[in-house]
Amino acid sequence: MTVIIANDTPPAIRGLLKRWFIEPRPNVFVGSVNARTRNKTLAYIRRNASGLGLLVICDDDSSQGFAVEVSGDTKRRPERRCGLELIAENWAAEDTTGC
C-alpha cells in the first residue's frame, strides 16, 4: 500500500497518479503498486514538478510496517524517535533526553 499526499498537484501530475492510485480527497492518492512502479512514478514527479511537496507513506519491513519519505517543501517532516517514524508539525524545542 502506498499513500501520497501532495501540495497543489498540477493537472498533468494528477492525471498520471490517477492511473495507479485513487484520490479519496484532493491531493491524497492511495494505491497498491509495486516498489518499481512507485519509484518510477515518484522520479517522474520530481523531474517534472520539482517544487511539488510530497509526503509518501509506503510498505516497509520495519517494525511499524511502513516507511515515511518527504520530497520538496511540506508542512510536516518525518522524524525518527526511538526507532519509530513520527510526523512532526512543529517541535517547541529539540528533545535530547533520548527514549
C-alpha atoms as a PDB file:
ATOM      1  CA  MET A   1       0.000   0.000   0.000  1.00  0.00           C
ATOM      2  CA  THR A   2       1.245   3.478  -0.856  1.00  0.00           C
ATOM      3  CA  VAL A   3      -0.190   6.816   0.229  1.00  0.00           C
ATOM      4  CA  ILE A   4       0.989  10.025  -1.449  1.00  0.00           C
ATOM      5  CA  ILE A   5      -0.021  13.396  -0.042  1.00  0.00           C
ATOM      6  CA  ALA A   6       0.871  16.278  -2.344  1.00  0.00           C
ATOM      7  CA  ASN A   7       0.654  20.058  -2.160  1.00  0.00           C
ATOM      8  CA  ASP A   8      -1.243  21.677  -5.070  1.00  0.00           C
ATOM      9  CA  THR A   9      -0.858  18.908  -7.636  1.00  0.00           C
ATOM     10  CA  PRO A  10      -0.690  20.174 -11.249  1.00  0.00           C
ATOM     11  CA  PRO A  11      -3.294  18.611 -13.598  1.00  0.00           C
ATOM     12  CA  ALA A  12      -0.703  16.597 -15.585  1.00  0.00           C
ATOM     13  CA  ILE A  13       0.744  15.037 -12.413  1.00  0.00           C
ATOM     14  CA  ARG A  14      -2.737  14.394 -11.013  1.00  0.00           C
ATOM     15  CA  GLY A  15      -3.660  12.560 -14.237  1.00  0.00           C
ATOM     16  CA  LEU A  16      -0.510  10.438 -14.025  1.00  0.00           C
ATOM     17  CA  LEU A  17      -1.191   9.498 -10.403  1.00  0.00           C
ATOM     18  CA  LYS A  18      -4.797   8.561 -11.176  1.00  0.00           C
ATOM     19  CA  ARG A  19      -3.528   5.771 -13.438  1.00  0.00           C
ATOM     20  CA  TRP A  20      -2.427   3.708 -10.425  1.00  0.00           C
ATOM     21  CA  PHE A  21      -3.989   5.413  -7.416  1.00  0.00           C
ATOM     22  CA  ILE A  22      -7.418   6.510  -6.259  1.00  0.00           C
ATOM     23  CA  GLU A  23      -7.875  10.065  -4.984  1.00  0.00           C
ATOM     24  CA  PRO A  24     -10.226   9.861  -1.960  1.00  0.00           C
ATOM     25  CA  ARG A  25      -9.543  13.537  -1.111  1.00  0.00           C
ATOM     26  CA  PRO A  26      -7.947  16.292  -3.168  1.00  0.00           C
ATOM     27  CA  ASN A  27      -4.164  15.757  -3.409  1.00  0.00           C
ATOM     28  CA  VAL A  28      -4.283  12.449  -1.462  1.00  0.00           C
ATOM     29  CA  PHE A  29      -3.527   9.352  -3.549  1.00  0.00           C
ATOM     30  CA  VAL A  30      -3.825   5.757  -2.310  1.00  0.00           C
ATOM     31  CA  GLY A  31      -2.923   2.559  -4.136  1.00  0.00           C
ATOM     32  CA  SER A  32      -1.216  -0.809  -4.104  1.00  0.00           C
ATOM     33  CA  VAL A  33       1.667  -0.659  -6.541  1.00  0.00           C
ATOM     34  CA  ASN A  34       4.965  -2.490  -6.517  1.00  0.00           C
ATOM     35  CA  ALA A  35       8.144  -0.691  -5.441  1.00  0.00           C
ATOM     36  CA  ARG A  36       9.413  -0.293  -9.012  1.00  0.00           C
ATOM     37  CA  THR A  37       6.238   1.424 -10.215  1.00  0.00           C
ATOM     38  CA  ARG A  38       6.156   3.627  -7.114  1.00  0.00           C
ATOM     39  CA  ASN A  39       9.807   4.685  -7.509  1.00  0.00           C
ATOM     40  CA  LYS A  40       9.467   5.385 -11.248  1.00  0.00           C
ATOM     41  CA  THR A  41       6.305   7.427 -10.637  1.00  0.00           C
ATOM     42  CA  LEU A  42       7.959   9.460  -7.865  1.00  0.00           C
ATOM     43  CA  ALA A  43      11.063  10.030 -10.012  1.00  0.00           C
ATOM     44  CA  TYR A  44       8.858  11.323 -12.848  1.00  0.00           C
ATOM     45  CA  ILE A  45       7.045  13.678 -10.463  1.00  0.00           C
ATOM     46  CA  ARG A  46      10.314  15.003  -9.031  1.00  0.00           C
ATOM     47  CA  ARG A  47      11.659  15.658 -12.548  1.00  0.00           C
ATOM     48  CA  ASN A  48       8.540  17.354 -13.895  1.00  0.00           C
ATOM     49  CA  ALA A  49       7.155  19.128 -10.813  1.00  0.00           C
ATOM     50  CA  SER A  50      10.282  19.954  -8.840  1.00  0.00           C
ATOM     51  CA  GLY A  51       8.559  22.400  -6.455  1.00  0.00           C
ATOM     52  CA  LEU A  52       5.810  19.957  -5.510  1.00  0.00           C
ATOM     53  CA  GLY A  53       5.833  18.911  -1.848  1.00  0.00           C
ATOM     54  CA  LEU A  54       5.225  15.187  -1.327  1.00  0.00           C
ATOM     55  CA  LEU A  55       4.714  13.066   1.759  1.00  0.00           C
ATOM     56  CA  VAL A  56       4.902   9.373   0.813  1.00  0.00           C
ATOM     57  CA  ILE A  57       3.988   6.519   3.148  1.00  0.00           C
ATOM     58  CA  CYS A  58       4.664   3.028   1.822  1.00  0.00           C
ATOM     59  CA  ASP A  59       5.079  -0.594   2.916  1.00  0.00           C
ATOM     60  CA  ASP A  60       8.385  -1.452   4.560  1.00  0.00           C
ATOM     61  CA  ASP A  61       9.984  -4.267   6.551  1.00  0.00           C
ATOM     62  CA  SER A  62      10.359  -2.059   9.651  1.00  0.00           C
ATOM     63  CA  SER A  63       8.673  -2.857  12.951  1.00  0.00           C
ATOM     64  CA  GLN A  64       5.880  -0.408  12.083  1.00  0.00           C
ATOM     65  CA  GLY A  65       5.372  -1.962   8.659  1.00  0.00           C
ATOM     66  CA  PHE A  66       5.743   1.312   6.769  1.00  0.00           C
ATOM     67  CA  ALA A  67       8.285   3.981   5.838  1.00  0.00           C
ATOM     68  CA  VAL A  68       7.805   7.730   5.518  1.00  0.00           C
ATOM     69  CA  GLU A  69       9.543   9.826   2.867  1.00  0.00           C
ATOM     70  CA  VAL A  70       9.324  13.565   2.180  1.00  0.00           C
ATOM     71  CA  SER A  71      10.224  15.393  -1.003  1.00  0.00           C
ATOM     72  CA  GLY A  72      10.051  19.131  -1.586  1.00  0.00           C
ATOM     73  CA  ASP A  73       8.501  21.675   0.744  1.00  0.00           C
ATOM     74  CA  THR A  74       5.904  20.228   3.118  1.00  0.00           C
ATOM     75  CA  LYS A  75       4.492  21.489   6.391  1.00  0.00           C
ATOM     76  CA  ARG A  76       5.323  18.181   8.037  1.00  0.00           C
ATOM     77  CA  ARG A  77       8.561  16.237   8.224  1.00  0.00           C
ATOM     78  CA  PRO A  78       9.332  12.666   9.227  1.00  0.00           C
ATOM     79  CA  GLU A  79      11.167  12.275  12.496  1.00  0.00           C
ATOM     80  CA  ARG A  80      12.684   9.038  13.737  1.00  0.00           C
ATOM     81  CA  ARG A  81      12.405   8.714  17.531  1.00  0.00           C
ATOM     82  CA  CYS A  82      13.281   5.544  19.402  1.00  0.00           C
ATOM     83  CA  GLY A  83      13.008   3.510  16.204  1.00  0.00           C
ATOM     84  CA  LEU A  84       9.555   4.840  15.316  1.00  0.00           C
ATOM     85  CA  GLU A  85       8.655   7.014  12.346  1.00  0.00           C
ATOM     86  CA  LEU A  86       6.677  10.038  13.509  1.00  0.00           C
ATOM     87  CA  ILE A  87       5.387  13.077  11.649  1.00  0.00           C
ATOM     88  CA  ALA A  88       6.480  16.399  13.114  1.00  0.00           C
ATOM     89  CA  GLU A  89       4.479  19.547  12.525  1.00  0.00           C
ATOM     90  CA  ASN A  90       6.389  21.765  14.945  1.00  0.00           C
ATOM     91  CA  TRP A  91       8.820  20.995  17.713  1.00  0.00           C
ATOM     92  CA  ALA A  92       8.795  23.545  20.528  1.00  0.00           C
ATOM     93  CA  ALA A  93      12.350  22.564  21.445  1.00  0.00           C
ATOM     94  CA  GLU A  94      14.639  19.706  20.498  1.00  0.00           C
ATOM     95  CA  ASP A  95      14.437  16.834  22.958  1.00  0.00           C
ATOM     96  CA  THR A  96      17.904  15.490  23.670  1.00  0.00           C
ATOM     97  CA  THR A  97      16.922  13.186  26.531  1.00  0.00           C
ATOM     98  CA  GLY A  98      16.557  10.144  24.279  1.00  0.00           C
ATOM     99  CA  CYS A  99      13.961   7.425  24.724  1.00  0.00           C
END
